């Protein structure tokens, strides 16, 4: 027989292999008898710790993912404020409404601002007059 790599040599005929095999089997049997299994309570506690750690890692990942998505959304919203208008532009310019300045010809009593002309209410009688439509003379 030639020495070929990967080929298992044939056992020797002198009986040394049987003695080695028997010794290894005795050692394995002695080791198996010496093993004491762990109590079930320890195994259950180890499983509970692992579950808690896994749940904590999942919660941390979820928080980081949500915080990152919120920050990314905020950055995109801040960057897009200048890009797109809120309403489409109108085809013609809108007429500007000019508000007349308040009438400053009368002194304001007690620091109150005067009532603009044309906006005075006629539903209440002025100065105790019983006629709601009549104007009071100063």
N, C-alpha and C. Protein backbone atom coordinates (compact mmCIF):
# COMPACT_ATOMS: atom_id res chain seq x y z
N UNK A 1 0.83 -1.17 0.00
CA UNK A 1 0.00 0.00 0.00
C UNK A 1 0.87 1.23 0.00
N UNK A 2 0.41 2.22 -0.73
CA UNK A 2 1.17 3.45 -0.82
C UNK A 2 0.55 4.50 0.07
N UNK A 3 1.32 5.50 0.47
CA UNK A 3 0.82 6.60 1.30
C UNK A 3 0.10 7.61 0.42
N UNK A 4 -1.21 7.60 0.47
CA UNK A 4 -2.03 8.53 -0.30
C UNK A 4 -2.64 9.51 0.69
N UNK A 5 -2.53 10.85 0.44
CA UNK A 5 -3.13 11.81 1.36
C UNK A 5 -4.64 11.63 1.43
N UNK A 6 -5.19 11.69 2.65
CA UNK A 6 -6.62 11.57 2.85
C UNK A 6 -7.08 10.15 3.03
N UNK A 7 -6.23 9.20 2.87
CA UNK A 7 -6.61 7.80 3.02
C UNK A 7 -6.30 7.35 4.44
N UNK A 8 -7.25 6.66 5.06
CA UNK A 8 -7.08 6.17 6.42
C UNK A 8 -6.26 4.88 6.36
N UNK A 9 -5.20 4.83 7.17
CA UNK A 9 -4.40 3.59 7.12
C UNK A 9 -5.17 2.42 7.73
N UNK A 10 -4.86 1.27 7.31
CA UNK A 10 -5.51 0.06 7.81
C UNK A 10 -5.05 -0.19 9.24
N UNK A 11 -5.96 -0.70 10.12
CA UNK A 11 -5.56 -0.96 11.50
C UNK A 11 -4.46 -2.03 11.57
N UNK A 12 -3.67 -1.86 12.60
CA UNK A 12 -2.57 -2.81 12.77
C UNK A 12 -3.14 -4.13 13.29
N UNK A 13 -2.49 -5.15 12.99
CA UNK A 13 -2.97 -6.47 13.36
C UNK A 13 -2.52 -6.88 14.74
N UNK A 14 -1.74 -6.04 15.44
CA UNK A 14 -1.20 -6.45 16.72
C UNK A 14 -2.15 -6.18 17.89
N UNK A 15 -3.29 -5.52 17.74
CA UNK A 15 -4.28 -5.33 18.79
C UNK A 15 -4.14 -4.03 19.57
N UNK A 16 -3.25 -3.14 19.15
CA UNK A 16 -3.09 -1.87 19.87
C UNK A 16 -4.32 -0.96 19.67
N UNK A 17 -4.94 -1.04 18.53
CA UNK A 17 -6.10 -0.18 18.26
C UNK A 17 -7.30 -0.58 19.11
N UNK A 18 -7.49 -1.87 19.36
CA UNK A 18 -8.61 -2.30 20.17
C UNK A 18 -8.44 -1.86 21.62
N UNK A 19 -7.24 -1.87 22.11
CA UNK A 19 -6.98 -1.45 23.49
C UNK A 19 -7.21 0.05 23.64
N UNK A 20 -6.77 0.82 22.66
CA UNK A 20 -6.99 2.28 22.69
C UNK A 20 -8.48 2.59 22.61
N UNK A 21 -9.19 1.88 21.77
CA UNK A 21 -10.63 2.09 21.62
C UNK A 21 -11.36 1.79 22.93
N UNK A 22 -11.01 0.72 23.57
CA UNK A 22 -11.65 0.35 24.83
C UNK A 22 -11.35 1.38 25.92
N UNK A 23 -10.13 1.89 25.96
CA UNK A 23 -9.75 2.90 26.97
C UNK A 23 -10.53 4.20 26.75
N UNK A 24 -10.68 4.59 25.52
CA UNK A 24 -11.45 5.82 25.23
C UNK A 24 -12.92 5.64 25.58
N UNK A 25 -13.47 4.48 25.33
CA UNK A 25 -14.87 4.23 25.67
C UNK A 25 -15.07 4.24 27.19
N UNK A 26 -14.13 3.69 27.95
CA UNK A 26 -14.24 3.73 29.41
C UNK A 26 -14.16 5.16 29.94
N UNK A 27 -13.28 5.98 29.35
CA UNK A 27 -13.14 7.37 29.78
C UNK A 27 -14.43 8.16 29.48
N UNK A 28 -15.02 7.92 28.34
CA UNK A 28 -16.27 8.61 27.99
C UNK A 28 -17.40 8.21 28.93
N UNK A 29 -17.47 6.94 29.27
CA UNK A 29 -18.53 6.48 30.19
C UNK A 29 -18.33 7.08 31.57
N UNK A 30 -17.10 7.16 32.04
CA UNK A 30 -16.84 7.74 33.37
C UNK A 30 -17.17 9.23 33.36
N UNK A 31 -16.85 9.91 32.30
CA UNK A 31 -17.18 11.35 32.20
C UNK A 31 -18.68 11.57 32.14
N UNK A 32 -19.41 10.71 31.47
CA UNK A 32 -20.86 10.83 31.39
C UNK A 32 -21.52 10.60 32.73
N UNK A 33 -20.97 9.70 33.56
CA UNK A 33 -21.54 9.46 34.89
C UNK A 33 -21.24 10.61 35.84
N UNK A 34 -20.16 11.35 35.61
CA UNK A 34 -19.77 12.44 36.52
C UNK A 34 -20.54 13.74 36.25
N UNK A 35 -21.20 13.82 35.12
CA UNK A 35 -21.91 15.04 34.75
C UNK A 35 -23.20 15.15 35.56
N UNK A 36 -23.41 16.35 36.17
CA UNK A 36 -24.64 16.61 36.91
C UNK A 36 -25.42 17.68 36.13
N UNK A 37 -26.65 17.39 35.75
CA UNK A 37 -27.42 18.39 34.99
C UNK A 37 -27.77 19.59 35.87
N UNK A 38 -27.89 20.75 35.20
CA UNK A 38 -28.25 21.97 35.93
C UNK A 38 -29.71 21.89 36.36
N UNK A 39 -30.03 22.50 37.50
CA UNK A 39 -31.44 22.53 37.91
C UNK A 39 -32.29 23.33 36.91
N UNK A 40 -33.54 22.95 36.80
CA UNK A 40 -34.43 23.58 35.83
C UNK A 40 -34.64 25.06 36.13
N UNK A 41 -34.59 25.44 37.41
CA UNK A 41 -34.78 26.85 37.78
C UNK A 41 -33.69 27.73 37.20
N UNK A 42 -32.45 27.23 37.18
CA UNK A 42 -31.36 28.01 36.61
C UNK A 42 -31.51 28.16 35.10
N UNK A 43 -31.97 27.10 34.45
CA UNK A 43 -32.17 27.16 33.01
C UNK A 43 -33.29 28.15 32.67
N UNK A 44 -34.37 28.13 33.45
CA UNK A 44 -35.49 29.05 33.21
C UNK A 44 -35.05 30.50 33.46
N UNK A 45 -34.28 30.73 34.54
CA UNK A 45 -33.82 32.09 34.84
C UNK A 45 -32.91 32.61 33.73
N UNK A 46 -32.04 31.75 33.20
CA UNK A 46 -31.15 32.17 32.11
C UNK A 46 -31.96 32.53 30.87
N UNK A 47 -33.02 31.76 30.57
CA UNK A 47 -33.88 32.08 29.42
C UNK A 47 -34.62 33.39 29.61
N UNK A 48 -35.07 33.66 30.85
CA UNK A 48 -35.78 34.93 31.12
C UNK A 48 -34.85 36.12 30.96
N UNK A 49 -33.60 35.97 31.44
CA UNK A 49 -32.63 37.07 31.27
C UNK A 49 -32.37 37.33 29.80
N UNK A 50 -32.25 36.28 29.04
CA UNK A 50 -32.00 36.46 27.60
C UNK A 50 -33.18 37.15 26.93
N UNK A 51 -34.40 36.76 27.29
CA UNK A 51 -35.59 37.42 26.71
C UNK A 51 -35.62 38.89 27.06
N UNK A 52 -35.31 39.24 28.32
CA UNK A 52 -35.31 40.65 28.72
C UNK A 52 -34.26 41.44 27.96
N UNK A 53 -33.08 40.86 27.81
CA UNK A 53 -32.02 41.55 27.05
C UNK A 53 -32.44 41.75 25.60
N UNK A 54 -33.03 40.73 25.00
CA UNK A 54 -33.47 40.83 23.61
C UNK A 54 -34.54 41.91 23.45
N UNK A 55 -35.48 41.95 24.38
CA UNK A 55 -36.54 42.96 24.34
C UNK A 55 -35.97 44.36 24.53
N UNK A 56 -35.00 44.51 25.44
CA UNK A 56 -34.39 45.83 25.67
C UNK A 56 -33.64 46.30 24.42
N UNK A 57 -32.93 45.39 23.78
CA UNK A 57 -32.20 45.76 22.56
C UNK A 57 -33.19 46.15 21.47
N UNK A 58 -34.29 45.43 21.34
CA UNK A 58 -35.30 45.77 20.33
C UNK A 58 -35.91 47.14 20.62
N UNK A 59 -36.17 47.45 21.89
CA UNK A 59 -36.75 48.75 22.24
C UNK A 59 -35.77 49.88 21.94
N UNK A 60 -34.50 49.68 22.24
CA UNK A 60 -33.49 50.70 21.95
C UNK A 60 -33.38 50.92 20.44
N UNK A 61 -33.41 49.85 19.68
CA UNK A 61 -33.34 49.98 18.22
C UNK A 61 -34.56 50.73 17.68
N UNK A 62 -35.73 50.44 18.22
CA UNK A 62 -36.94 51.12 17.77
C UNK A 62 -36.88 52.62 18.08
N UNK A 63 -36.41 52.96 19.28
CA UNK A 63 -36.30 54.37 19.66
C UNK A 63 -35.30 55.08 18.76
N UNK A 64 -34.17 54.46 18.51
CA UNK A 64 -33.16 55.08 17.64
C UNK A 64 -33.69 55.24 16.22
N UNK A 65 -34.41 54.26 15.74
CA UNK A 65 -34.97 54.33 14.39
C UNK A 65 -36.00 55.46 14.29
N UNK A 66 -36.88 55.57 15.28
CA UNK A 66 -37.89 56.63 15.25
C UNK A 66 -37.26 58.01 15.40
N UNK A 67 -36.26 58.13 16.26
CA UNK A 67 -35.59 59.42 16.43
C UNK A 67 -34.87 59.82 15.16
N UNK A 68 -34.22 58.88 14.53
CA UNK A 68 -33.53 59.18 13.27
C UNK A 68 -34.50 59.57 12.17
N UNK A 69 -35.62 58.88 12.09
CA UNK A 69 -36.62 59.21 11.07
C UNK A 69 -37.23 60.59 11.34
N UNK A 70 -37.47 60.91 12.61
CA UNK A 70 -37.99 62.24 12.95
C UNK A 70 -37.01 63.34 12.62
N UNK A 71 -35.74 63.11 12.91
CA UNK A 71 -34.72 64.12 12.60
C UNK A 71 -34.58 64.29 11.10
N UNK A 72 -34.61 63.19 10.36
CA UNK A 72 -34.51 63.28 8.90
C UNK A 72 -35.71 64.02 8.32
N UNK A 73 -36.90 63.75 8.84
CA UNK A 73 -38.10 64.44 8.37
C UNK A 73 -38.01 65.94 8.68
N UNK A 74 -37.53 66.29 9.86
CA UNK A 74 -37.40 67.70 10.22
C UNK A 74 -36.41 68.41 9.31
N UNK A 75 -35.32 67.75 8.99
CA UNK A 75 -34.32 68.37 8.11
C UNK A 75 -34.90 68.55 6.72
N UNK A 76 -35.63 67.54 6.24
CA UNK A 76 -36.21 67.67 4.89
C UNK A 76 -37.28 68.75 4.85
N UNK A 77 -38.09 68.86 5.91
CA UNK A 77 -39.11 69.90 5.94
C UNK A 77 -38.48 71.29 6.01
N UNK A 78 -37.42 71.42 6.77
CA UNK A 78 -36.75 72.72 6.87
C UNK A 78 -36.10 73.10 5.54
N UNK A 79 -35.60 72.13 4.82
CA UNK A 79 -34.95 72.41 3.54
C UNK A 79 -35.98 72.69 2.45
N UNK A 80 -37.17 72.11 2.56
CA UNK A 80 -38.16 72.28 1.50
C UNK A 80 -39.03 73.51 1.69
N UNK A 81 -38.86 74.28 2.77
CA UNK A 81 -39.65 75.49 2.97
C UNK A 81 -39.43 76.51 1.86
N UNK A 82 -38.27 76.56 1.29
CA UNK A 82 -37.96 77.57 0.29
C UNK A 82 -38.28 77.09 -1.12
N UNK A 83 -38.52 75.82 -1.31
CA UNK A 83 -38.65 75.27 -2.65
C UNK A 83 -40.04 75.37 -3.25
N UNK A 84 -41.07 74.94 -2.58
CA UNK A 84 -42.39 74.83 -3.17
C UNK A 84 -43.33 75.82 -2.48
N UNK A 85 -44.06 76.65 -3.26
CA UNK A 85 -45.00 77.57 -2.62
C UNK A 85 -46.22 76.81 -2.10
N UNK A 86 -46.90 77.42 -1.14
CA UNK A 86 -48.07 76.79 -0.54
C UNK A 86 -49.25 76.79 -1.50
N UNK A 87 -49.39 77.82 -2.33
CA UNK A 87 -50.47 77.91 -3.29
C UNK A 87 -49.88 78.27 -4.65
N UNK A 88 -50.53 77.83 -5.71
CA UNK A 88 -50.00 78.19 -7.03
C UNK A 88 -50.12 79.69 -7.25
N UNK A 89 -49.20 80.26 -7.96
CA UNK A 89 -49.27 81.71 -8.20
C UNK A 89 -50.48 82.06 -9.06
N UNK A 90 -51.09 83.21 -8.78
CA UNK A 90 -52.25 83.64 -9.55
C UNK A 90 -51.77 84.23 -10.88
N UNK A 91 -52.60 84.12 -11.92
CA UNK A 91 -52.16 84.61 -13.25
C UNK A 91 -52.04 86.13 -13.30
N UNK A 92 -52.83 86.86 -12.52
CA UNK A 92 -52.73 88.32 -12.54
C UNK A 92 -52.46 88.81 -11.12
N UNK A 93 -51.78 89.91 -11.00
CA UNK A 93 -51.51 90.42 -9.65
C UNK A 93 -52.79 90.82 -8.95
N UNK A 94 -52.89 90.53 -7.69
CA UNK A 94 -54.09 90.87 -6.94
C UNK A 94 -54.06 92.35 -6.59
N UNK A 95 -55.23 93.01 -6.63
CA UNK A 95 -55.25 94.43 -6.31
C UNK A 95 -54.94 94.64 -4.82
N UNK A 96 -54.16 95.64 -4.58
CA UNK A 96 -53.81 95.92 -3.19
C UNK A 96 -54.94 96.71 -2.54
N UNK A 97 -55.26 96.36 -1.35
CA UNK A 97 -56.32 97.02 -0.61
C UNK A 97 -55.66 98.05 0.28
N UNK A 98 -56.09 99.30 0.12
CA UNK A 98 -55.51 100.34 0.96
C UNK A 98 -56.51 100.70 2.05
N UNK A 99 -56.05 100.72 3.26
CA UNK A 99 -56.88 101.06 4.40
C UNK A 99 -56.61 102.51 4.73
N UNK A 100 -57.68 103.34 4.80
CA UNK A 100 -57.44 104.76 5.13
C UNK A 100 -56.92 104.88 6.56
N UNK A 101 -56.04 105.82 6.79
CA UNK A 101 -55.53 106.00 8.16
C UNK A 101 -56.67 106.44 9.07
N UNK A 102 -56.58 106.13 10.35
CA UNK A 102 -57.64 106.53 11.27
C UNK A 102 -57.72 108.06 11.36
N UNK A 103 -58.95 108.52 11.59
CA UNK A 103 -59.19 109.96 11.70
C UNK A 103 -58.53 110.47 12.97
N UNK A 104 -57.54 111.31 12.81
CA UNK A 104 -56.81 111.84 13.97
C UNK A 104 -57.20 113.27 14.28
N UNK A 105 -58.28 113.76 13.69
CA UNK A 105 -58.70 115.14 13.92
C UNK A 105 -59.31 115.32 15.31
N UNK A 106 -59.85 114.25 15.88
CA UNK A 106 -60.48 114.34 17.19
C UNK A 106 -59.52 113.83 18.25
N UNK A 107 -59.49 114.47 19.40
CA UNK A 107 -58.64 113.92 20.47
C UNK A 107 -59.28 112.65 21.02
N UNK A 108 -58.48 111.70 21.34
CA UNK A 108 -59.01 110.44 21.84
C UNK A 108 -59.25 110.56 23.34
N UNK A 109 -60.49 110.33 23.80
CA UNK A 109 -60.78 110.44 25.23
C UNK A 109 -60.25 109.22 25.98
N UNK A 110 -59.55 109.45 27.06
CA UNK A 110 -59.06 108.38 27.91
C UNK A 110 -58.03 107.48 27.26
N UNK A 111 -57.37 107.92 26.24
CA UNK A 111 -56.36 107.12 25.59
C UNK A 111 -56.93 106.11 24.62
N UNK A 112 -58.25 106.13 24.34
CA UNK A 112 -58.82 105.19 23.39
C UNK A 112 -58.64 105.72 21.99
N UNK A 113 -58.52 104.84 21.05
CA UNK A 113 -58.37 105.29 19.67
C UNK A 113 -59.74 105.68 19.13
N UNK A 114 -59.80 106.67 18.25
CA UNK A 114 -61.09 107.11 17.70
C UNK A 114 -61.66 106.07 16.76
N UNK A 115 -62.98 106.09 16.61
CA UNK A 115 -63.65 105.17 15.72
C UNK A 115 -63.54 105.70 14.30
N UNK A 116 -63.13 104.88 13.34
CA UNK A 116 -63.04 105.37 11.97
C UNK A 116 -64.42 105.73 11.44
N UNK A 117 -64.46 106.70 10.59
CA UNK A 117 -65.74 107.17 10.05
C UNK A 117 -66.35 106.09 9.17
N UNK A 118 -67.66 105.98 9.23
CA UNK A 118 -68.36 105.00 8.43
C UNK A 118 -68.47 103.65 9.12
N UNK A 119 -67.78 103.44 10.21
CA UNK A 119 -67.84 102.16 10.89
C UNK A 119 -68.58 102.25 12.22
N UNK A 120 -69.11 103.41 12.55
CA UNK A 120 -69.81 103.58 13.82
C UNK A 120 -71.11 102.80 13.78
N UNK A 121 -71.43 102.15 14.88
CA UNK A 121 -72.64 101.35 14.96
C UNK A 121 -73.81 102.25 15.32
N UNK A 122 -74.94 102.06 14.62
CA UNK A 122 -76.14 102.85 14.92
C UNK A 122 -77.17 102.01 15.62
N UNK A 123 -76.82 100.79 16.07
CA UNK A 123 -77.82 99.95 16.71
C UNK A 123 -78.06 100.38 18.15
N UNK A 124 -77.11 101.00 18.80
CA UNK A 124 -77.31 101.48 20.16
C UNK A 124 -77.56 102.99 20.13
N UNK A 125 -78.47 103.46 20.98
CA UNK A 125 -78.72 104.90 20.98
C UNK A 125 -77.52 105.65 21.57
N UNK A 126 -77.03 106.69 20.89
CA UNK A 126 -75.90 107.46 21.43
C UNK A 126 -76.38 108.38 22.54
N UNK A 127 -75.63 108.46 23.61
CA UNK A 127 -75.83 109.36 24.75
C UNK A 127 -77.24 109.25 25.35
N UNK A 128 -77.80 108.07 25.44
CA UNK A 128 -79.08 107.88 26.10
C UNK A 128 -80.27 108.29 25.26
N UNK A 129 -80.14 108.58 23.98
CA UNK A 129 -81.23 108.97 23.11
C UNK A 129 -82.09 107.71 22.84
N UNK A 130 -83.41 107.84 22.87
CA UNK A 130 -84.30 106.69 22.70
C UNK A 130 -84.51 106.32 21.26
N UNK A 131 -84.09 107.13 20.32
CA UNK A 131 -84.29 106.85 18.90
C UNK A 131 -83.02 106.24 18.34
N UNK A 132 -83.06 104.94 17.95
CA UNK A 132 -81.83 104.29 17.49
C UNK A 132 -81.30 104.84 16.18
N UNK A 133 -82.07 105.39 15.31
CA UNK A 133 -81.58 105.85 14.02
C UNK A 133 -81.15 107.29 14.02
N UNK A 134 -81.40 108.07 15.07
CA UNK A 134 -81.07 109.49 15.06
C UNK A 134 -79.62 109.67 15.46
N UNK A 135 -79.01 110.69 14.86
CA UNK A 135 -77.61 111.00 15.19
C UNK A 135 -77.60 112.06 16.27
N UNK A 136 -76.70 111.95 17.17
CA UNK A 136 -76.59 112.92 18.26
C UNK A 136 -75.77 114.11 17.79
N UNK A 137 -76.19 115.31 18.20
CA UNK A 137 -75.44 116.49 17.82
C UNK A 137 -74.46 116.82 18.92
N UNK A 138 -73.22 117.09 18.64
CA UNK A 138 -72.24 117.40 19.68
C UNK A 138 -72.36 118.76 20.27
